[in-house]
Amino acid sequence: MLNARSKQARRLEILDGALTAIRDRGLKGAGMREIARAAGLSTGNLYYYFRNKEELVYACQDRALDQLLEVLALAKGRPGSSETLGALVEGHLQVVMAGGASLHLDVDDLPRPLFKKIVQKRDKYERGVRELLAEGQRDGEVRSGDTKLQAFALLGALNWVARWYRPGQDDEPDIIHSFKEQLLRGLLWQRI
């Protein structure tokens, strides 16, 4: 019998395997059999940890949002909007590029209760990003404008990376640097 810590570690390994299978086959193309194979389990064993694919997809997305909320918390501790927003862009892209947010755009098919939980957490993150932008505007560092639209533009650009990036590419640092430079140039009054 697995203790709680071992079970949790195994669940995280399964989530990593699920992200690999989903990335390779797409959300609709990756069934529980493919996910189990990617996680090194039998299909029956997978059901010990997750009752169904929806629960597994929810767990992947919930984990990614927890990681993004950690990124937000760390970014808030930086001095100045350039540092704060730079840390946010970098951290957000690291989560997306590691595959953690690859499902970010595909949660509409979740059962309503799970979908609502994801939306609440996603909205919390988005509000936090808008607060960073509003604070930067008050300090005169971020261009004036509707912070909701600025946040949508920023997050849209960052999240779309999940559609074309494949983990393991050698150019990850270059992509992060380029995104950081381009996005901050659009948001900040001064050059970075």
Protein backbone atom coordinates (compact mmCIF):
# COMPACT_ATOMS: atom_id res chain seq x y z
CA MET A 1 0.00 0.00 0.00
CA LEU A 2 1.37 3.40 -0.95
CA ASN A 3 1.67 6.06 1.68
CA ALA A 4 0.20 9.50 0.95
CA ARG A 5 3.57 11.02 -0.04
CA SER A 6 4.38 8.18 -2.46
CA LYS A 7 0.89 8.34 -3.93
CA GLN A 8 1.21 12.10 -4.48
CA ALA A 9 4.63 11.68 -6.10
CA ARG A 10 3.21 9.01 -8.38
CA ARG A 11 0.26 11.27 -9.30
CA LEU A 12 2.74 13.98 -10.35
CA GLU A 13 4.63 11.47 -12.50
CA ILE A 14 1.32 10.49 -14.11
CA LEU A 15 0.51 14.15 -14.80
CA ASP A 16 3.88 14.52 -16.55
CA GLY A 17 3.12 11.42 -18.61
CA ALA A 18 -0.34 12.74 -19.41
CA LEU A 19 1.11 16.02 -20.65
CA THR A 20 3.51 14.11 -22.90
CA ALA A 21 0.73 11.96 -24.35
CA ILE A 22 -1.58 14.93 -24.83
CA ARG A 23 1.17 17.02 -26.40
CA ASP A 24 2.03 14.19 -28.81
CA ARG A 25 -1.52 13.11 -29.69
CA GLY A 26 -3.69 16.09 -28.81
CA LEU A 27 -6.28 16.22 -26.06
CA LYS A 28 -8.89 14.28 -27.99
CA GLY A 29 -6.40 11.74 -29.39
CA ALA A 30 -4.81 10.80 -26.07
CA GLY A 31 -6.97 8.24 -24.32
CA MET A 32 -6.38 6.68 -20.94
CA ARG A 33 -4.42 3.83 -22.59
CA GLU A 34 -1.95 6.26 -24.21
CA ILE A 35 -1.68 8.29 -21.02
CA ALA A 36 -1.04 5.14 -18.96
CA ARG A 37 1.65 4.05 -21.43
CA ALA A 38 3.35 7.47 -21.28
CA ALA A 39 3.27 7.30 -17.47
CA GLY A 40 4.67 3.75 -17.39
CA LEU A 41 1.50 2.20 -15.97
CA SER A 42 -1.13 -0.27 -16.97
CA THR A 43 -4.47 1.29 -17.84
CA GLY A 44 -6.03 -0.40 -14.82
CA ASN A 45 -3.36 1.04 -12.55
CA LEU A 46 -4.02 4.52 -13.92
CA TYR A 47 -7.63 4.28 -12.76
CA TYR A 48 -6.35 3.79 -9.21
CA TYR A 49 -5.06 7.37 -9.32
CA PHE A 50 -7.62 9.05 -11.60
CA ARG A 51 -11.23 7.95 -12.14
CA ASN A 52 -11.41 9.24 -15.71
CA LYS A 53 -9.74 11.42 -18.31
CA GLU A 54 -11.63 14.54 -17.24
CA GLU A 55 -10.29 14.22 -13.69
CA LEU A 56 -6.79 13.79 -15.11
CA VAL A 57 -7.10 16.83 -17.42
CA TYR A 58 -8.43 18.85 -14.50
CA ALA A 59 -5.45 17.81 -12.33
CA CYS A 60 -3.00 18.83 -15.07
CA GLN A 61 -4.59 22.23 -15.49
CA ASP A 62 -4.98 22.79 -11.76
CA ARG A 63 -1.29 22.04 -11.27
CA ALA A 64 -0.32 24.45 -14.06
CA LEU A 65 -2.44 27.21 -12.54
CA ASP A 66 -0.85 26.61 -9.13
CA GLN A 67 2.54 27.01 -10.80
CA LEU A 68 1.39 30.24 -12.49
CA LEU A 69 0.11 31.61 -9.18
CA GLU A 70 3.55 30.88 -7.69
CA VAL A 71 5.14 32.77 -10.59
CA LEU A 72 2.82 35.71 -9.87
CA ALA A 73 3.69 35.70 -6.16
CA LEU A 74 7.42 35.69 -6.92
CA ALA A 75 7.05 38.44 -9.53
CA LYS A 76 5.22 40.68 -7.03
CA GLY A 77 8.33 40.68 -4.86
CA ARG A 78 10.51 42.29 -7.54
CA PRO A 79 11.30 46.02 -7.55
CA GLY A 80 9.89 48.08 -10.43
CA SER A 81 7.57 47.12 -13.26
CA SER A 82 10.36 46.07 -15.60
CA GLU A 83 11.63 43.49 -13.12
CA THR A 84 8.14 42.46 -12.00
CA LEU A 85 6.68 42.02 -15.46
CA GLY A 86 9.91 40.48 -16.75
CA ALA A 87 9.77 37.84 -14.00
CA LEU A 88 6.10 37.21 -14.79
CA VAL A 89 6.75 36.74 -18.53
CA GLU A 90 9.74 34.50 -17.90
CA GLY A 91 8.01 32.36 -15.29
CA HIS A 92 4.78 32.08 -17.27
CA LEU A 93 6.68 30.94 -20.35
CA GLN A 94 8.67 28.40 -18.34
CA VAL A 95 5.42 26.83 -17.13
CA VAL A 96 3.94 26.83 -20.64
CA MET A 97 7.10 25.54 -22.27
CA ALA A 98 7.47 22.72 -19.77
CA GLY A 99 4.08 21.54 -21.00
CA GLY A 100 2.25 22.47 -17.82
CA ALA A 101 -0.15 24.83 -19.49
CA SER A 102 -0.52 22.95 -22.74
CA LEU A 103 -4.14 22.32 -21.83
CA HIS A 104 -4.71 25.94 -20.94
CA LEU A 105 -6.83 26.50 -24.00
CA ASP A 106 -8.68 23.17 -23.90
CA VAL A 107 -10.68 23.08 -20.69
CA ASP A 108 -14.13 23.76 -22.14
CA ASP A 109 -14.99 20.05 -22.26
CA LEU A 110 -14.49 19.51 -18.54
CA PRO A 111 -17.56 18.71 -16.44
CA ARG A 112 -19.15 21.92 -15.20
CA PRO A 113 -17.95 21.71 -11.53
CA LEU A 114 -14.32 21.11 -12.59
CA PHE A 115 -14.54 23.77 -15.30
CA LYS A 116 -15.77 26.33 -12.74
CA LYS A 117 -12.86 25.56 -10.39
CA ILE A 118 -10.36 26.06 -13.22
CA VAL A 119 -12.02 29.30 -14.32
CA GLN A 120 -11.96 30.65 -10.75
CA LYS A 121 -8.25 29.93 -10.40
CA ARG A 122 -7.49 31.28 -13.89
CA ASP A 123 -9.43 34.46 -13.07
CA LYS A 124 -7.46 34.86 -9.85
CA TYR A 125 -4.23 34.74 -11.85
CA GLU A 126 -5.56 37.18 -14.43
CA ARG A 127 -6.66 39.62 -11.69
CA GLY A 128 -3.17 39.42 -10.23
CA VAL A 129 -1.63 40.27 -13.60
CA ARG A 130 -4.02 43.23 -13.98
CA GLU A 131 -3.00 44.42 -10.50
CA LEU A 132 0.67 44.36 -11.52
CA LEU A 133 -0.17 46.42 -14.60
CA ALA A 134 -2.29 48.88 -12.60
CA GLU A 135 0.50 49.30 -10.06
CA GLY A 136 2.93 49.96 -12.88
CA GLN A 137 0.59 52.57 -14.32
CA ARG A 138 0.31 54.30 -10.93
CA ASP A 139 4.12 54.37 -10.73
CA GLY A 140 4.31 55.80 -14.24
CA GLU A 141 6.26 52.83 -15.60
CA VAL A 142 3.52 51.03 -17.54
CA ARG A 143 1.77 52.71 -20.44
CA SER A 144 -1.68 54.01 -19.64
CA GLY A 145 -4.61 51.98 -20.90
CA ASP A 146 -7.22 49.48 -19.92
CA THR A 147 -5.38 46.97 -17.72
CA LYS A 148 -7.89 44.26 -18.60
CA LEU A 149 -7.05 44.61 -22.31
CA GLN A 150 -3.34 44.84 -21.56
CA ALA A 151 -3.57 41.64 -19.50
CA PHE A 152 -5.54 39.88 -22.26
CA ALA A 153 -2.92 40.85 -24.83
CA LEU A 154 -0.04 39.77 -22.60
CA LEU A 155 -1.59 36.48 -21.50
CA GLY A 156 -2.86 35.71 -24.99
CA ALA A 157 0.66 36.01 -26.39
CA LEU A 158 2.15 33.92 -23.58
CA ASN A 159 -0.50 31.19 -23.66
CA TRP A 160 -0.39 30.80 -27.43
CA VAL A 161 3.17 29.47 -27.14
CA ALA A 162 1.57 26.20 -25.95
CA ARG A 163 0.15 25.74 -29.46
CA TRP A 164 3.48 25.70 -31.30
CA TYR A 165 6.31 25.08 -28.84
CA ARG A 166 7.51 21.54 -28.15
CA PRO A 167 9.53 20.92 -24.95
CA GLY A 168 13.14 20.04 -25.51
CA GLN A 169 13.83 22.59 -28.21
CA ASP A 170 17.27 24.11 -27.80
CA ASP A 171 16.03 27.64 -28.33
CA GLU A 172 13.91 27.93 -25.17
CA PRO A 173 16.13 30.63 -23.58
CA ASP A 174 16.12 32.61 -26.85
CA ILE A 175 12.34 32.41 -27.12
CA ILE A 176 11.91 33.58 -23.52
CA HIS A 177 14.36 36.45 -24.04
CA SER A 178 12.65 37.55 -27.26
CA PHE A 179 9.15 37.41 -25.79
CA LYS A 180 10.28 39.29 -22.70
CA GLU A 181 11.92 42.02 -24.74
CA GLN A 182 9.05 42.44 -27.21
CA LEU A 183 6.21 42.28 -24.70
CA LEU A 184 7.84 44.61 -22.19
CA ARG A 185 8.70 47.08 -24.94
CA GLY A 186 4.96 47.30 -25.67
CA LEU A 187 3.95 47.70 -22.02
CA LEU A 188 6.61 49.95 -20.51
CA TRP A 189 7.19 53.65 -21.16
CA GLN A 190 10.94 53.33 -21.12
CA ARG A 191 13.09 50.97 -23.13
CA ILE A 192 14.25 47.90 -21.30
